[in-house]
Structures are given as C-alpha cells and as structure tokens.
C-alpha cells in the first residue's frame, strides 16, 4: 500500500526551504537510498506564508526507512529552523481515481 506524508508549514523563507529540498533531492539521487516516488510543493491560497509538501512513497516501510536516515533528519532540522509552525499528516493511500 502506498503511503503519503503531508507536511504543512508556515514560513516567510520558502525559497530557502526549497533550496534545501533541492540540495537534498540531488544528493539522494546521487547516493541512492529510499526516496519519495513523487513530491508536490504547494502554497495555500487562503493563508499567507502557509505551504504544504506532499511526499508519496511506495510503502509506509520505505517512508520510515527514509525518515530514519541521518541525512533526512539533518535536512528536516534545517527546514524546521526556518518554519514558524509545522504539522505532519501520515496517510495510507486507500484509493486513487484518475479522471
């Protein structure tokens, strides 16, 4: 079963956060290891400085393997330092419809 993690955060430093994410993605691609199947980066239209990153993984186990890596923890810490507030939603994908 696929797994989706939604990370909602408030920040006035989105460009810095995005740069950290790009650096991490590039490094993970080069070094290998578990990574999301896809990433979506979203801005809330109704709440200024509110964003969400939606990470889709092949499975919960792969997501947890990714989360347990020291480089993931280091990247998450750098991003958290730039945020005013962060919330995590851990979701099992139970159905998908492609219109």
PDB file of N, CA and C in Angstrom:
ATOM      1  N   UNK A   1       0.838  -1.174   0.000  1.00  0.00           N
ATOM      2  CA  UNK A   1       0.000   0.000   0.000  1.00  0.00           C
ATOM      3  C   UNK A   1       0.887   1.243   0.000  1.00  0.00           C
ATOM      4  N   UNK A   2       0.583   2.174  -0.893  1.00  0.00           N
ATOM      5  CA  UNK A   2       1.353   3.422  -0.938  1.00  0.00           C
ATOM      6  C   UNK A   2       1.072   4.257   0.301  1.00  0.00           C
ATOM      7  N   UNK A   3       1.997   5.131   0.597  1.00  0.00           N
ATOM      8  CA  UNK A   3       1.938   5.973   1.782  1.00  0.00           C
ATOM      9  C   UNK A   3       2.188   7.414   1.364  1.00  0.00           C
ATOM     10  N   UNK A   4       1.438   8.338   1.945  1.00  0.00           N
ATOM     11  CA  UNK A   4       1.581   9.759   1.627  1.00  0.00           C
ATOM     12  C   UNK A   4       1.818  10.513   2.923  1.00  0.00           C
ATOM     13  N   UNK A   5       2.815  11.381   2.909  1.00  0.00           N
ATOM     14  CA  UNK A   5       3.041  12.259   4.050  1.00  0.00           C
ATOM     15  C   UNK A   5       2.843  13.691   3.592  1.00  0.00           C
ATOM     16  N   UNK A   6       2.000  14.413   4.323  1.00  0.00           N
ATOM     17  CA  UNK A   6       1.764  15.818   4.058  1.00  0.00           C
ATOM     18  C   UNK A   6       2.432  16.600   5.183  1.00  0.00           C
ATOM     19  N   UNK A   7       3.299  17.518   4.811  1.00  0.00           N
ATOM     20  CA  UNK A   7       3.972  18.370   5.783  1.00  0.00           C
ATOM     21  C   UNK A   7       3.489  19.789   5.514  1.00  0.00           C
ATOM     22  N   UNK A   8       2.717  20.310   6.445  1.00  0.00           N
ATOM     23  CA  UNK A   8       2.196  21.671   6.324  1.00  0.00           C
ATOM     24  C   UNK A   8       3.052  22.575   7.208  1.00  0.00           C
ATOM     25  N   UNK A   9       3.433  23.722   6.674  1.00  0.00           N
ATOM     26  CA  UNK A   9       4.305  24.603   7.445  1.00  0.00           C
ATOM     27  C   UNK A   9       4.056  26.058   7.104  1.00  0.00           C
ATOM     28  N   UNK A  10       4.395  26.898   8.069  1.00  0.00           N
ATOM     29  CA  UNK A  10       4.298  28.339   7.903  1.00  0.00           C
ATOM     30  C   UNK A  10       5.705  28.908   7.905  1.00  0.00           C
ATOM     31  N   UNK A  11       5.984  29.744   6.910  1.00  0.00           N
ATOM     32  CA  UNK A  11       7.313  30.338   6.803  1.00  0.00           C
ATOM     33  C   UNK A  11       7.277  31.561   5.900  1.00  0.00           C
ATOM     34  N   UNK A  12       8.186  32.468   6.158  1.00  0.00           N
ATOM     35  CA  UNK A  12       8.401  33.590   5.247  1.00  0.00           C
ATOM     36  C   UNK A  12       9.675  33.343   4.432  1.00  0.00           C
ATOM     37  N   UNK A  13      10.235  32.144   4.567  1.00  0.00           N
ATOM     38  CA  UNK A  13      11.515  31.798   3.924  1.00  0.00           C
ATOM     39  C   UNK A  13      11.370  30.595   2.996  1.00  0.00           C
ATOM     40  N   UNK A  14      10.303  30.573   2.218  1.00  0.00           N
ATOM     41  CA  UNK A  14      10.044  29.428   1.352  1.00  0.00           C
ATOM     42  C   UNK A  14      11.199  29.163   0.383  1.00  0.00           C
ATOM     43  N   UNK A  15      11.755  30.197  -0.214  1.00  0.00           N
ATOM     44  CA  UNK A  15      12.835  29.999  -1.184  1.00  0.00           C
ATOM     45  C   UNK A  15      14.030  29.285  -0.560  1.00  0.00           C
ATOM     46  N   UNK A  16      14.337  29.601   0.686  1.00  0.00           N
ATOM     47  CA  UNK A  16      15.437  28.922   1.380  1.00  0.00           C
ATOM     48  C   UNK A  16      15.089  27.451   1.639  1.00  0.00           C
ATOM     49  N   UNK A  17      13.854  27.207   2.025  1.00  0.00           N
ATOM     50  CA  UNK A  17      13.404  25.837   2.269  1.00  0.00           C
ATOM     51  C   UNK A  17      13.462  25.028   0.981  1.00  0.00           C
ATOM     52  N   UNK A  18      12.995  25.607  -0.096  1.00  0.00           N
ATOM     53  CA  UNK A  18      13.005  24.920  -1.400  1.00  0.00           C
ATOM     54  C   UNK A  18      14.427  24.598  -1.835  1.00  0.00           C
ATOM     55  N   UNK A  19      15.367  25.502  -1.585  1.00  0.00           N
ATOM     56  CA  UNK A  19      16.772  25.262  -1.939  1.00  0.00           C
ATOM     57  C   UNK A  19      17.337  24.083  -1.142  1.00  0.00           C
ATOM     58  N   UNK A  20      16.987  23.986   0.131  1.00  0.00           N
ATOM     59  CA  UNK A  20      17.434  22.851   0.949  1.00  0.00           C
ATOM     60  C   UNK A  20      16.846  21.558   0.383  1.00  0.00           C
ATOM     61  N   UNK A  21      15.577  21.585   0.021  1.00  0.00           N
ATOM     62  CA  UNK A  21      14.934  20.412  -0.560  1.00  0.00           C
ATOM     63  C   UNK A  21      15.578  19.982  -1.865  1.00  0.00           C
ATOM     64  N   UNK A  22      15.924  20.941  -2.706  1.00  0.00           N
ATOM     65  CA  UNK A  22      16.580  20.619  -3.978  1.00  0.00           C
ATOM     66  C   UNK A  22      17.959  20.017  -3.749  1.00  0.00           C
ATOM     67  N   UNK A  23      18.696  20.576  -2.787  1.00  0.00           N
ATOM     68  CA  UNK A  23      20.024  20.040  -2.439  1.00  0.00           C
ATOM     69  C   UNK A  23      19.893  18.601  -1.947  1.00  0.00           C
ATOM     70  N   UNK A  24      18.930  18.355  -1.079  1.00  0.00           N
ATOM     71  CA  UNK A  24      18.713  17.016  -0.538  1.00  0.00           C
ATOM     72  C   UNK A  24      18.332  16.035  -1.640  1.00  0.00           C
ATOM     73  N   UNK A  25      17.420  16.434  -2.520  1.00  0.00           N
ATOM     74  CA  UNK A  25      16.978  15.570  -3.614  1.00  0.00           C
ATOM     75  C   UNK A  25      18.145  15.216  -4.535  1.00  0.00           C
ATOM     76  N   UNK A  26      18.962  16.193  -4.855  1.00  0.00           N
ATOM     77  CA  UNK A  26      20.122  15.968  -5.716  1.00  0.00           C
ATOM     78  C   UNK A  26      21.097  14.979  -5.057  1.00  0.00           C
ATOM     79  N   UNK A  27      21.371  15.184  -3.776  1.00  0.00           N
ATOM     80  CA  UNK A  27      22.288  14.303  -3.046  1.00  0.00           C
ATOM     81  C   UNK A  27      21.743  12.889  -2.969  1.00  0.00           C
ATOM     82  N   UNK A  28      20.448  12.747  -2.668  1.00  0.00           N
ATOM     83  CA  UNK A  28      19.847  11.419  -2.551  1.00  0.00           C
ATOM     84  C   UNK A  28      19.871  10.709  -3.895  1.00  0.00           C
ATOM     85  N   UNK A  29      19.648  11.447  -4.963  1.00  0.00           N
ATOM     86  CA  UNK A  29      19.679  10.851  -6.309  1.00  0.00           C
ATOM     87  C   UNK A  29      21.083  10.299  -6.598  1.00  0.00           C
ATOM     88  N   UNK A  30      22.108  11.033  -6.191  1.00  0.00           N
ATOM     89  CA  UNK A  30      23.495  10.631  -6.439  1.00  0.00           C
ATOM     90  C   UNK A  30      23.915   9.470  -5.543  1.00  0.00           C
ATOM     91  N   UNK A  31      23.505   9.494  -4.275  1.00  0.00           N
ATOM     92  CA  UNK A  31      23.965   8.499  -3.303  1.00  0.00           C
ATOM     93  C   UNK A  31      23.049   7.290  -3.205  1.00  0.00           C
ATOM     94  N   UNK A  32      21.845   7.406  -3.710  1.00  0.00           N
ATOM     95  CA  UNK A  32      20.901   6.306  -3.602  1.00  0.00           C
ATOM     96  C   UNK A  32      20.199   6.290  -2.261  1.00  0.00           C
ATOM     97  N   UNK A  33      19.387   5.290  -2.064  1.00  0.00           N
ATOM     98  CA  UNK A  33      18.627   5.164  -0.826  1.00  0.00           C
ATOM     99  C   UNK A  33      17.159   5.430  -1.064  1.00  0.00           C
ATOM    100  N   UNK A  34      16.358   5.201  -0.041  1.00  0.00           N
ATOM    101  CA  UNK A  34      14.911   5.377  -0.199  1.00  0.00           C
ATOM    102  C   UNK A  34      14.569   6.838  -0.456  1.00  0.00           C
ATOM    103  N   UNK A  35      13.560   7.037  -1.264  1.00  0.00           N
ATOM    104  CA  UNK A  35      13.123   8.399  -1.562  1.00  0.00           C
ATOM    105  C   UNK A  35      11.673   8.355  -2.010  1.00  0.00           C
ATOM    106  N   UNK A  36      11.002   9.489  -1.971  1.00  0.00           N
ATOM    107  CA  UNK A  36       9.610   9.509  -2.420  1.00  0.00           C
ATOM    108  C   UNK A  36       9.488   9.177  -3.896  1.00  0.00           C
ATOM    109  N   UNK A  37       8.346   8.621  -4.253  1.00  0.00           N
ATOM    110  CA  UNK A  37       8.004   8.379  -5.652  1.00  0.00           C
ATOM    111  C   UNK A  37       7.745   9.723  -6.331  1.00  0.00           C
ATOM    112  N   UNK A  38       7.104  10.634  -5.586  1.00  0.00           N
ATOM    113  CA  UNK A  38       6.857  11.978  -6.106  1.00  0.00           C
ATOM    114  C   UNK A  38       6.761  12.966  -4.954  1.00  0.00           C
ATOM    115  N   UNK A  39       6.975  14.231  -5.291  1.00  0.00           N
ATOM    116  CA  UNK A  39       6.860  15.336  -4.337  1.00  0.00           C
ATOM    117  C   UNK A  39       6.027  16.432  -4.971  1.00  0.00           C
ATOM    118  N   UNK A  40       5.114  16.984  -4.200  1.00  0.00           N
ATOM    119  CA  UNK A  40       4.354  18.151  -4.630  1.00  0.00           C
ATOM    120  C   UNK A  40       4.643  19.270  -3.637  1.00  0.00           C
ATOM    121  N   UNK A  41       4.888  20.464  -4.143  1.00  0.00           N
ATOM    122  CA  UNK A  41       5.131  21.624  -3.303  1.00  0.00           C
ATOM    123  C   UNK A  41       3.978  22.596  -3.548  1.00  0.00           C
ATOM    124  N   UNK A  42       3.245  22.913  -2.486  1.00  0.00           N
ATOM    125  CA  UNK A  42       2.006  23.687  -2.626  1.00  0.00           C
ATOM    126  C   UNK A  42       2.019  24.914  -1.718  1.00  0.00           C
ATOM    127  N   UNK A  43       1.349  25.967  -2.185  1.00  0.00           N
ATOM    128  CA  UNK A  43       1.157  27.177  -1.385  1.00  0.00           C
ATOM    129  C   UNK A  43      -0.343  27.321  -1.121  1.00  0.00           C
ATOM    130  N   UNK A  44      -0.686  27.627   0.111  1.00  0.00           N
ATOM    131  CA  UNK A  44      -2.083  27.828   0.478  1.00  0.00           C
ATOM    132  C   UNK A  44      -2.557  29.181  -0.046  1.00  0.00           C
ATOM    133  N   UNK A  45      -3.603  29.186  -0.830  1.00  0.00           N
ATOM    134  CA  UNK A  45      -4.119  30.424  -1.428  1.00  0.00           C
ATOM    135  C   UNK A  45      -4.813  31.311  -0.404  1.00  0.00           C
ATOM    136  N   UNK A  46      -5.289  30.723   0.697  1.00  0.00           N
ATOM    137  CA  UNK A  46      -6.081  31.467   1.670  1.00  0.00           C
ATOM    138  C   UNK A  46      -5.317  31.905   2.913  1.00  0.00           C
ATOM    139  N   UNK A  47      -4.167  31.300   3.136  1.00  0.00           N
ATOM    140  CA  UNK A  47      -3.385  31.635   4.334  1.00  0.00           C
ATOM    141  C   UNK A  47      -1.968  32.029   3.908  1.00  0.00           C
ATOM    142  N   UNK A  48      -1.640  33.305   4.051  1.00  0.00           N
ATOM    143  CA  UNK A  48      -0.311  33.764   3.647  1.00  0.00           C
ATOM    144  C   UNK A  48       0.800  32.991   4.372  1.00  0.00           C
ATOM    145  N   UNK A  49       1.880  32.766   3.654  1.00  0.00           N
ATOM    146  CA  UNK A  49       3.070  32.092   4.198  1.00  0.00           C
ATOM    147  C   UNK A  49       2.798  30.677   4.700  1.00  0.00           C
ATOM    148  N   UNK A  50       1.771  30.028   4.167  1.00  0.00           N
ATOM    149  CA  UNK A  50       1.462  28.651   4.541  1.00  0.00           C
ATOM    150  C   UNK A  50       1.654  27.764   3.320  1.00  0.00           C
ATOM    151  N   UNK A  51       2.403  26.696   3.510  1.00  0.00           N
ATOM    152  CA  UNK A  51       2.778  25.800   2.416  1.00  0.00           C
ATOM    153  C   UNK A  51       2.554  24.353   2.843  1.00  0.00           C
ATOM    154  N   UNK A  52       2.556  23.465   1.870  1.00  0.00           N
ATOM    155  CA  UNK A  52       2.499  22.032   2.145  1.00  0.00           C
ATOM    156  C   UNK A  52       3.392  21.310   1.148  1.00  0.00           C
ATOM    157  N   UNK A  53       4.127  20.351   1.645  1.00  0.00           N
ATOM    158  CA  UNK A  53       4.876  19.439   0.794  1.00  0.00           C
ATOM    159  C   UNK A  53       4.197  18.087   0.924  1.00  0.00           C
ATOM    160  N   UNK A  54       3.880  17.495  -0.211  1.00  0.00           N
ATOM    161  CA  UNK A  54       3.192  16.204  -0.231  1.00  0.00           C
ATOM    162  C   UNK A  54       4.158  15.184  -0.831  1.00  0.00           C
ATOM    163  N   UNK A  55       4.581  14.241   0.000  1.00  0.00           N
ATOM    164  CA  UNK A  55       5.544  13.217  -0.420  1.00  0.00           C
ATOM    165  C   UNK A  55       4.825  11.882  -0.533  1.00  0.00           C
ATOM    166  N   UNK A  56       4.943  11.277  -1.695  1.00  0.00           N
ATOM    167  CA  UNK A  56       4.299   9.987  -1.950  1.00  0.00           C
ATOM    168  C   UNK A  56       5.386   8.918  -2.002  1.00  0.00           C
ATOM    169  N   UNK A  57       5.193   7.868  -1.192  1.00  0.00           N
ATOM    170  CA  UNK A  57       6.157   6.775  -1.105  1.00  0.00           C
ATOM    171  C   UNK A  57       5.521   5.474  -1.587  1.00  0.00           C
ATOM    172  N   UNK A  58       6.342   4.543  -2.018  1.00  0.00           N
ATOM    173  CA  UNK A  58       5.852   3.236  -2.470  1.00  0.00           C
ATOM    174  C   UNK A  58       5.190   2.461  -1.327  1.00  0.00           C
ATOM    175  N   UNK A  59       5.661   2.691  -0.084  1.00  0.00           N
ATOM    176  CA  UNK A  59       5.088   1.991   1.069  1.00  0.00           C
ATOM    177  C   UNK A  59       5.418   2.767   2.339  1.00  0.00           C
ATOM    178  N   UNK A  60       4.692   2.453   3.399  1.00  0.00           N
ATOM    179  CA  UNK A  60       4.961   3.025   4.715  1.00  0.00           C
ATOM    180  C   UNK A  60       6.377   2.653   5.165  1.00  0.00           C
ATOM    181  N   UNK A  61       6.746   1.398   4.926  1.00  0.00           N
ATOM    182  CA  UNK A  61       8.067   0.927   5.352  1.00  0.00           C
ATOM    183  C   UNK A  61       9.185   1.716   4.673  1.00  0.00           C
ATOM    184  N   UNK A  62       9.026   1.996   3.389  1.00  0.00           N
ATOM    185  CA  UNK A  62      10.042   2.772   2.676  1.00  0.00           C
ATOM    186  C   UNK A  62      10.092   4.208   3.200  1.00  0.00           C
ATOM    187  N   UNK A  63       8.941   4.756   3.523  1.00  0.00           N
ATOM    188  CA  UNK A  63       8.900   6.108   4.096  1.00  0.00           C
ATOM    189  C   UNK A  63       9.622   6.146   5.439  1.00  0.00           C
ATOM    190  N   UNK A  64       9.410   5.133   6.266  1.00  0.00           N
ATOM    191  CA  UNK A  64      10.059   5.088   7.575  1.00  0.00           C
ATOM    192  C   UNK A  64      11.564   4.860   7.441  1.00  0.00           C
ATOM    193  N   UNK A  65      11.962   4.070   6.448  1.00  0.00           N
ATOM    194  CA  UNK A  65      13.393   3.882   6.186  1.00  0.00           C
ATOM    195  C   UNK A  65      14.010   5.225   5.788  1.00  0.00           C
ATOM    196  N   UNK A  66      13.304   5.974   4.949  1.00  0.00           N
ATOM    197  CA  UNK A  66      13.768   7.301   4.552  1.00  0.00           C
ATOM    198  C   UNK A  66      13.870   8.225   5.764  1.00  0.00           C
ATOM    199  N   UNK A  67      12.824   8.220   6.608  1.00  0.00           N
ATOM    200  CA  UNK A  67      12.793   9.099   7.778  1.00  0.00           C
ATOM    201  C   UNK A  67      13.891   8.776   8.780  1.00  0.00           C
ATOM    202  N   UNK A  68      14.290   7.505   8.846  1.00  0.00           N
ATOM    203  CA  UNK A  68      15.297   7.088   9.815  1.00  0.00           C
ATOM    204  C   UNK A  68      16.729   7.398   9.437  1.00  0.00           C
ATOM    205  N   UNK A  69      16.948   7.874   8.246  1.00  0.00           N
ATOM    206  CA  UNK A  69      18.319   8.155   7.797  1.00  0.00           C
ATOM    207  C   UNK A  69      18.846   9.457   8.405  1.00  0.00           C
ATOM    208  N   UNK A  70      20.116   9.496   8.793  1.00  0.00           N
ATOM    209  CA  UNK A  70      20.690  10.718   9.366  1.00  0.00           C
ATOM    210  C   UNK A  70      20.617  11.921   8.422  1.00  0.00           C
ATOM    211  N   UNK A  71      20.786  11.699   7.114  1.00  0.00           N
ATOM    212  CA  UNK A  71      20.735  12.845   6.200  1.00  0.00           C
ATOM    213  C   UNK A  71      19.331  13.420   6.106  1.00  0.00           C
ATOM    214  N   UNK A  72      18.309  12.575   6.246  1.00  0.00           N
ATOM    215  CA  UNK A  72      16.933  13.058   6.257  1.00  0.00           C
ATOM    216  C   UNK A  72      16.680  13.879   7.517  1.00  0.00           C
ATOM    217  N   UNK A  73      17.147  13.395   8.652  1.00  0.00           N
ATOM    218  CA  UNK A  73      16.986  14.128   9.914  1.00  0.00           C
ATOM    219  C   UNK A  73      17.683  15.477   9.871  1.00  0.00           C
ATOM    220  N   UNK A  74      18.861  15.504   9.281  1.00  0.00           N
ATOM    221  CA  UNK A  74      19.624  16.757   9.183  1.00  0.00           C
ATOM    222  C   UNK A  74      18.879  17.752   8.302  1.00  0.00           C
ATOM    223  N   UNK A  75      18.369  17.298   7.165  1.00  0.00           N
ATOM    224  CA  UNK A  75      17.629  18.165   6.250  1.00  0.00           C
ATOM    225  C   UNK A  75      16.356  18.675   6.925  1.00  0.00           C
ATOM    226  N   UNK A  76      15.630  17.800   7.597  1.00  0.00           N
ATOM    227  CA  UNK A  76      14.394  18.187   8.266  1.00  0.00           C
ATOM    228  C   UNK A  76      14.661  19.221   9.363  1.00  0.00           C
ATOM    229  N   UNK A  77      15.763  19.070  10.070  1.00  0.00           N
ATOM    230  CA  UNK A  77      16.133  20.043  11.109  1.00  0.00           C
ATOM    231  C   UNK A  77      16.430  21.413  10.519  1.00  0.00           C
ATOM    232  N   UNK A  78      17.129  21.424   9.403  1.00  0.00           N
ATOM    233  CA  UNK A  78      17.434  22.702   8.732  1.00  0.00           C
ATOM    234  C   UNK A  78      16.150  23.391   8.280  1.00  0.00           C
ATOM    235  N   UNK A  79      15.225  22.613   7.747  1.00  0.00           N
ATOM    236  CA  UNK A  79      13.957  23.191   7.292  1.00  0.00           C
ATOM    237  C   UNK A  79      13.122  23.656   8.483  1.00  0.00           C
ATOM    238  N   UNK A  80      13.036  22.855   9.529  1.00  0.00           N
ATOM    239  CA  UNK A  80      12.239  23.217  10.703  1.00  0.00           C
ATOM    240  C   UNK A  80      12.719  24.532  11.315  1.00  0.00           C
ATOM    241  N   UNK A  81      14.019  24.777  11.256  1.00  0.00           N
ATOM    242  CA  UNK A  81      14.568  26.024  11.803  1.00  0.00           C
ATOM    243  C   UNK A  81      14.075  27.256  11.043  1.00  0.00           C
ATOM    244  N   UNK A  82      13.605  27.068   9.818  1.00  0.00           N
ATOM    245  CA  UNK A  82      13.109  28.178   9.004  1.00  0.00           C
ATOM    246  C   UNK A  82      11.591  28.336   9.067  1.00  0.00           C
ATOM    247  N   UNK A  83      10.936  27.470   9.843  1.00  0.00           N
ATOM    248  CA  UNK A  83       9.473  27.475   9.907  1.00  0.00           C
ATOM    249  C   UNK A  83       8.985  28.005  11.247  1.00  0.00           C
ATOM    250  N   UNK A  84       7.811  28.620  11.200  1.00  0.00           N
ATOM    251  CA  UNK A  84       7.171  29.089  12.420  1.00  0.00           C
ATOM    252  C   UNK A  84       6.297  28.003  13.030  1.00  0.00           C
ATOM    253  N   UNK A  85       5.821  27.105  12.207  1.00  0.00           N
ATOM    254  CA  UNK A  85       4.908  26.069  12.663  1.00  0.00           C
ATOM    255  C   UNK A  85       4.953  24.928  11.650  1.00  0.00           C
ATOM    256  N   UNK A  86       4.888  23.693  12.122  1.00  0.00           N
ATOM    257  CA  UNK A  86       4.899  22.521  11.233  1.00  0.00           C
ATOM    258  C   UNK A  86       3.921  21.479  11.747  1.00  0.00           C
ATOM    259  N   UNK A  87       3.197  20.865  10.801  1.00  0.00           N
ATOM    260  CA  UNK A  87       2.290  19.771  11.130  1.00  0.00           C
ATOM    261  C   UNK A  87       2.505  18.645  10.120  1.00  0.00           C
ATOM    262  N   UNK A  88       2.459  17.414  10.612  1.00  0.00           N
ATOM    263  CA  UNK A  88       2.653  16.246   9.763  1.00  0.00           C
ATOM    264  C   UNK A  88       1.366  15.429   9.721  1.00  0.00           C
ATOM    265  N   UNK A  89       1.023  14.958   8.528  1.00  0.00           N
ATOM    266  CA  UNK A  89      -0.114  14.068   8.333  1.00  0.00           C
ATOM    267  C   UNK A  89       0.424  12.817   7.643  1.00  0.00           C
ATOM    268  N   UNK A  90       0.213  11.665   8.267  1.00  0.00           N
ATOM    269  CA  UNK A  90       0.690  10.391   7.731  1.00  0.00           C
ATOM    270  C   UNK A  90      -0.514   9.590   7.244  1.00  0.00           C
ATOM    271  N   UNK A  91      -0.558   9.340   5.929  1.00  0.00           N
ATOM    272  CA  UNK A  91      -1.764   8.800   5.310  1.00  0.00           C
ATOM    273  C   UNK A  91      -1.464   7.562   4.482  1.00  0.00           C
ATOM    274  N   UNK A  92      -2.251   6.520   4.667  1.00  0.00           N
ATOM    275  CA  UNK A  92      -2.208   5.369   3.772  1.00  0.00           C
ATOM    276  C   UNK A  92      -3.086   5.695   2.570  1.00  0.00           C
ATOM    277  N   UNK A  93      -2.595   5.468   1.384  1.00  0.00           N
ATOM    278  CA  UNK A  93      -3.364   5.694   0.169  1.00  0.00           C
ATOM    279  C   UNK A  93      -4.307   4.506  -0.009  1.00  0.00           C
ATOM    280  N   UNK A  94      -5.596   4.732   0.101  1.00  0.00           N
ATOM    281  CA  UNK A  94      -6.556   3.636   0.003  1.00  0.00           C
ATOM    282  C   UNK A  94      -7.243   3.561  -1.359  1.00  0.00           C
ATOM    283  N   UNK A  95      -7.210   4.658  -2.110  1.00  0.00           N
ATOM    284  CA  UNK A  95      -7.846   4.642  -3.430  1.00  0.00           C
ATOM    285  C   UNK A  95      -7.308   5.806  -4.236  1.00  0.00           C
ATOM    286  N   UNK A  96      -7.289   5.614  -5.532  1.00  0.00           N
ATOM    287  CA  UNK A  96      -6.847   6.683  -6.435  1.00  0.00           C
ATOM    288  C   UNK A  96      -7.707   6.621  -7.693  1.00  0.00           C
ATOM    289  N   UNK A  97      -8.191   7.761  -8.096  1.00  0.00           N
ATOM    290  CA  UNK A  97      -9.022   7.861  -9.280  1.00  0.00           C
ATOM    291  C   UNK A  97      -8.333   8.827 -10.255  1.00  0.00           C
ATOM    292  N   UNK A  98      -8.139   8.388 -11.463  1.00  0.00           N
ATOM    293  CA  UNK A  98      -7.604   9.261 -12.499  1.00  0.00           C
ATOM    294  C   UNK A  98      -8.741   9.593 -13.446  1.00  0.00           C
ATOM    295  N   UNK A  99      -9.204  10.853 -13.430  1.00  0.00           N
ATOM    296  CA  UNK A  99     -10.347  11.208 -14.279  1.00  0.00           C
ATOM    297  C   UNK A  99     -10.014  11.137 -15.762  1.00  0.00           C
TER     298      UNK A  99
END
